Amino acid sequence: MKWENLDVWKRSCRLSVGIYQFFQESKDYGFKDQITKSSLSIASNIAEGMEKASKKESVKFLNIAKGSCAELITQIYIGIEIGYIEK
């Protein structure tokens, strides 16, 4: 299956676009850089994993995408707590 057809890839791309747009005007460059990178990493690693020749390599990159999801959730939680993101 092509990664471009995966709903999870499409949704993660839209999520990343939303994160980039939301933080476009942010002056906290450290936080902005970290949260946009983790959101971008999700879709990127799904795509990269689906292009790998072996299942073992594919699973490795899908696990990296899963880890990036956890990273992003943590950053969103912190963003809520420090008042950058509305609950």
N, C-alpha and C. Protein backbone atom coordinates (compact mmCIF):
# COMPACT_ATOMS: atom_id res chain seq x y z
N MET A 1 0.84 -1.19 0.00
CA MET A 1 0.00 0.00 0.00
C MET A 1 0.89 1.25 0.00
N LYS A 2 0.51 2.20 -0.81
CA LYS A 2 1.25 3.46 -0.88
C LYS A 2 0.92 4.30 0.35
N TRP A 3 1.94 4.94 0.90
CA TRP A 3 1.75 5.74 2.12
C TRP A 3 0.84 6.93 1.87
N GLU A 4 0.80 7.43 0.64
CA GLU A 4 -0.07 8.58 0.34
C GLU A 4 -1.55 8.24 0.49
N ASN A 5 -1.88 6.96 0.44
CA ASN A 5 -3.27 6.51 0.57
C ASN A 5 -3.67 6.20 2.01
N LEU A 6 -2.72 6.21 2.93
CA LEU A 6 -3.01 5.86 4.32
C LEU A 6 -3.70 7.03 5.03
N ASP A 7 -4.84 6.74 5.64
CA ASP A 7 -5.56 7.78 6.40
C ASP A 7 -4.70 8.34 7.53
N VAL A 8 -3.92 7.49 8.18
CA VAL A 8 -3.08 7.94 9.29
C VAL A 8 -2.03 8.94 8.80
N TRP A 9 -1.50 8.72 7.60
CA TRP A 9 -0.53 9.66 7.04
C TRP A 9 -1.21 10.99 6.70
N LYS A 10 -2.39 10.91 6.07
CA LYS A 10 -3.14 12.13 5.72
C LYS A 10 -3.49 12.94 6.97
N ARG A 11 -3.96 12.25 8.00
CA ARG A 11 -4.34 12.93 9.24
C ARG A 11 -3.13 13.54 9.93
N SER A 12 -2.00 12.83 9.91
CA SER A 12 -0.81 13.38 10.56
C SER A 12 -0.27 14.58 9.78
N CYS A 13 -0.42 14.59 8.47
CA CYS A 13 -0.04 15.77 7.68
C CYS A 13 -0.91 16.96 8.05
N ARG A 14 -2.22 16.75 8.13
CA ARG A 14 -3.13 17.84 8.52
C ARG A 14 -2.83 18.34 9.93
N LEU A 15 -2.50 17.43 10.83
CA LEU A 15 -2.14 17.81 12.19
C LEU A 15 -0.90 18.70 12.18
N SER A 16 0.10 18.31 11.42
CA SER A 16 1.33 19.09 11.35
C SER A 16 1.08 20.48 10.76
N VAL A 17 0.28 20.54 9.72
CA VAL A 17 -0.07 21.84 9.12
C VAL A 17 -0.77 22.71 10.16
N GLY A 18 -1.69 22.12 10.90
CA GLY A 18 -2.39 22.86 11.95
C GLY A 18 -1.47 23.38 13.03
N ILE A 19 -0.50 22.56 13.44
CA ILE A 19 0.48 22.98 14.45
C ILE A 19 1.32 24.14 13.91
N TYR A 20 1.80 24.01 12.68
CA TYR A 20 2.59 25.08 12.07
C TYR A 20 1.78 26.38 12.00
N GLN A 21 0.53 26.28 11.58
CA GLN A 21 -0.30 27.48 11.47
C GLN A 21 -0.58 28.09 12.83
N PHE A 22 -0.86 27.26 13.81
CA PHE A 22 -1.18 27.75 15.15
C PHE A 22 0.00 28.51 15.76
N PHE A 23 1.20 28.01 15.55
CA PHE A 23 2.39 28.61 16.17
C PHE A 23 3.13 29.58 15.24
N GLN A 24 2.53 29.92 14.12
CA GLN A 24 3.17 30.79 13.14
C GLN A 24 3.65 32.11 13.74
N GLU A 25 2.86 32.70 14.61
CA GLU A 25 3.20 34.01 15.17
C GLU A 25 3.93 33.92 16.52
N SER A 26 4.17 32.70 17.00
CA SER A 26 4.80 32.52 18.31
C SER A 26 6.22 33.07 18.32
N LYS A 27 6.55 33.75 19.39
CA LYS A 27 7.91 34.29 19.55
C LYS A 27 8.78 33.36 20.42
N ASP A 28 8.17 32.32 20.99
CA ASP A 28 8.93 31.34 21.77
C ASP A 28 9.50 30.33 20.77
N TYR A 29 10.64 30.69 20.19
CA TYR A 29 11.20 29.92 19.10
C TYR A 29 11.62 28.51 19.50
N GLY A 30 12.06 28.34 20.74
CA GLY A 30 12.44 27.01 21.21
C GLY A 30 11.25 26.07 21.26
N PHE A 31 10.17 26.52 21.87
CA PHE A 31 8.96 25.69 21.96
C PHE A 31 8.37 25.47 20.57
N LYS A 32 8.29 26.53 19.81
CA LYS A 32 7.73 26.46 18.45
C LYS A 32 8.52 25.46 17.60
N ASP A 33 9.83 25.52 17.66
CA ASP A 33 10.68 24.63 16.89
C ASP A 33 10.47 23.18 17.32
N GLN A 34 10.40 22.94 18.61
CA GLN A 34 10.26 21.58 19.13
C GLN A 34 8.91 20.96 18.76
N ILE A 35 7.84 21.72 18.93
CA ILE A 35 6.51 21.17 18.68
C ILE A 35 6.25 20.99 17.19
N THR A 36 6.77 21.89 16.37
CA THR A 36 6.59 21.71 14.93
C THR A 36 7.42 20.54 14.41
N LYS A 37 8.63 20.38 14.94
CA LYS A 37 9.46 19.25 14.50
C LYS A 37 8.85 17.91 14.88
N SER A 38 8.32 17.81 16.09
CA SER A 38 7.74 16.52 16.48
C SER A 38 6.49 16.22 15.66
N SER A 39 5.70 17.25 15.34
CA SER A 39 4.51 17.01 14.51
C SER A 39 4.91 16.61 13.09
N LEU A 40 5.93 17.24 12.55
CA LEU A 40 6.41 16.92 11.21
C LEU A 40 7.00 15.52 11.15
N SER A 41 7.61 15.09 12.23
CA SER A 41 8.25 13.79 12.29
C SER A 41 7.26 12.63 12.17
N ILE A 42 6.04 12.84 12.62
CA ILE A 42 5.05 11.76 12.58
C ILE A 42 4.78 11.33 11.14
N ALA A 43 4.31 12.26 10.31
CA ALA A 43 4.00 11.93 8.92
C ALA A 43 5.24 11.50 8.15
N SER A 44 6.35 12.17 8.42
CA SER A 44 7.59 11.86 7.70
C SER A 44 8.05 10.43 7.97
N ASN A 45 7.97 9.99 9.22
CA ASN A 45 8.41 8.64 9.55
C ASN A 45 7.43 7.57 9.07
N ILE A 46 6.15 7.90 9.01
CA ILE A 46 5.18 6.96 8.42
C ILE A 46 5.54 6.75 6.95
N ALA A 47 5.76 7.85 6.24
CA ALA A 47 6.10 7.74 4.82
C ALA A 47 7.41 6.98 4.62
N GLU A 48 8.41 7.33 5.39
CA GLU A 48 9.71 6.67 5.25
C GLU A 48 9.60 5.18 5.56
N GLY A 49 8.87 4.85 6.60
CA GLY A 49 8.71 3.45 6.97
C GLY A 49 8.02 2.63 5.90
N MET A 50 7.03 3.22 5.26
CA MET A 50 6.29 2.50 4.22
C MET A 50 7.13 2.29 2.96
N GLU A 51 8.18 3.07 2.81
CA GLU A 51 9.05 2.94 1.64
C GLU A 51 10.19 1.95 1.85
N LYS A 52 10.38 1.49 3.07
CA LYS A 52 11.47 0.56 3.36
C LYS A 52 11.19 -0.81 2.75
N ALA A 53 12.25 -1.50 2.37
CA ALA A 53 12.13 -2.78 1.69
C ALA A 53 11.72 -3.91 2.64
N SER A 54 12.20 -3.86 3.87
CA SER A 54 11.91 -4.96 4.79
C SER A 54 10.86 -4.55 5.82
N LYS A 55 10.13 -5.55 6.30
CA LYS A 55 9.13 -5.30 7.35
C LYS A 55 9.79 -4.79 8.62
N LYS A 56 10.96 -5.33 8.93
CA LYS A 56 11.67 -4.92 10.14
C LYS A 56 11.99 -3.43 10.10
N GLU A 57 12.47 -2.94 8.97
CA GLU A 57 12.77 -1.52 8.83
C GLU A 57 11.49 -0.68 8.86
N SER A 58 10.45 -1.17 8.21
CA SER A 58 9.16 -0.45 8.21
C SER A 58 8.65 -0.28 9.63
N VAL A 59 8.68 -1.35 10.39
CA VAL A 59 8.21 -1.31 11.78
C VAL A 59 9.05 -0.34 12.61
N LYS A 60 10.35 -0.32 12.35
CA LYS A 60 11.24 0.60 13.08
C LYS A 60 10.78 2.04 12.89
N PHE A 61 10.51 2.44 11.66
CA PHE A 61 10.11 3.82 11.40
C PHE A 61 8.70 4.12 11.89
N LEU A 62 7.82 3.12 11.84
CA LEU A 62 6.47 3.32 12.40
C LEU A 62 6.55 3.49 13.91
N ASN A 63 7.47 2.79 14.56
CA ASN A 63 7.68 2.98 16.00
C ASN A 63 8.25 4.36 16.31
N ILE A 64 9.11 4.86 15.44
CA ILE A 64 9.62 6.22 15.62
C ILE A 64 8.48 7.22 15.50
N ALA A 65 7.58 7.00 14.53
CA ALA A 65 6.40 7.87 14.38
C ALA A 65 5.55 7.83 15.64
N LYS A 66 5.39 6.64 16.20
CA LYS A 66 4.62 6.49 17.44
C LYS A 66 5.28 7.26 18.58
N GLY A 67 6.59 7.19 18.66
CA GLY A 67 7.32 7.95 19.68
C GLY A 67 7.15 9.45 19.48
N SER A 68 7.14 9.89 18.23
CA SER A 68 6.92 11.31 17.95
C SER A 68 5.52 11.74 18.36
N CYS A 69 4.56 10.84 18.24
CA CYS A 69 3.19 11.13 18.73
C CYS A 69 3.20 11.39 20.23
N ALA A 70 3.90 10.55 20.96
CA ALA A 70 3.99 10.72 22.41
C ALA A 70 4.69 12.03 22.75
N GLU A 71 5.72 12.35 22.00
CA GLU A 71 6.44 13.62 22.20
C GLU A 71 5.51 14.80 21.96
N LEU A 72 4.74 14.74 20.86
CA LEU A 72 3.81 15.83 20.54
C LEU A 72 2.71 15.96 21.60
N ILE A 73 2.17 14.86 22.05
CA ILE A 73 1.14 14.90 23.10
C ILE A 73 1.69 15.57 24.35
N THR A 74 2.91 15.23 24.71
CA THR A 74 3.56 15.84 25.88
C THR A 74 3.71 17.35 25.68
N GLN A 75 4.14 17.76 24.51
CA GLN A 75 4.32 19.18 24.23
C GLN A 75 2.99 19.93 24.21
N ILE A 76 1.95 19.30 23.70
CA ILE A 76 0.62 19.92 23.73
C ILE A 76 0.16 20.08 25.17
N TYR A 77 0.35 19.05 25.99
CA TYR A 77 -0.01 19.13 27.40
C TYR A 77 0.72 20.29 28.07
N ILE A 78 2.02 20.39 27.83
CA ILE A 78 2.80 21.48 28.43
C ILE A 78 2.31 22.82 27.87
N GLY A 79 2.04 22.87 26.57
CA GLY A 79 1.52 24.10 25.96
C GLY A 79 0.23 24.56 26.60
N ILE A 80 -0.63 23.63 26.97
CA ILE A 80 -1.88 23.96 27.67
C ILE A 80 -1.57 24.51 29.05
N GLU A 81 -0.69 23.81 29.75
CA GLU A 81 -0.36 24.20 31.13
C GLU A 81 0.30 25.57 31.20
N ILE A 82 1.07 25.96 30.21
CA ILE A 82 1.75 27.26 30.26
C ILE A 82 0.95 28.36 29.53
N GLY A 83 -0.23 27.99 29.05
CA GLY A 83 -1.12 28.99 28.47
C GLY A 83 -0.91 29.28 26.99
N TYR A 84 -0.14 28.48 26.30
CA TYR A 84 0.05 28.68 24.86
C TYR A 84 -1.10 28.11 24.05
N ILE A 85 -1.74 27.07 24.58
CA ILE A 85 -2.81 26.36 23.88
C ILE A 85 -4.03 26.33 24.80
N GLU A 86 -5.18 26.67 24.25
CA GLU A 86 -6.43 26.57 25.03
C GLU A 86 -6.84 25.12 25.15
N LYS A 87 -7.39 24.78 26.34
CA LYS A 87 -7.87 23.42 26.54
C LYS A 87 -9.03 23.18 25.62
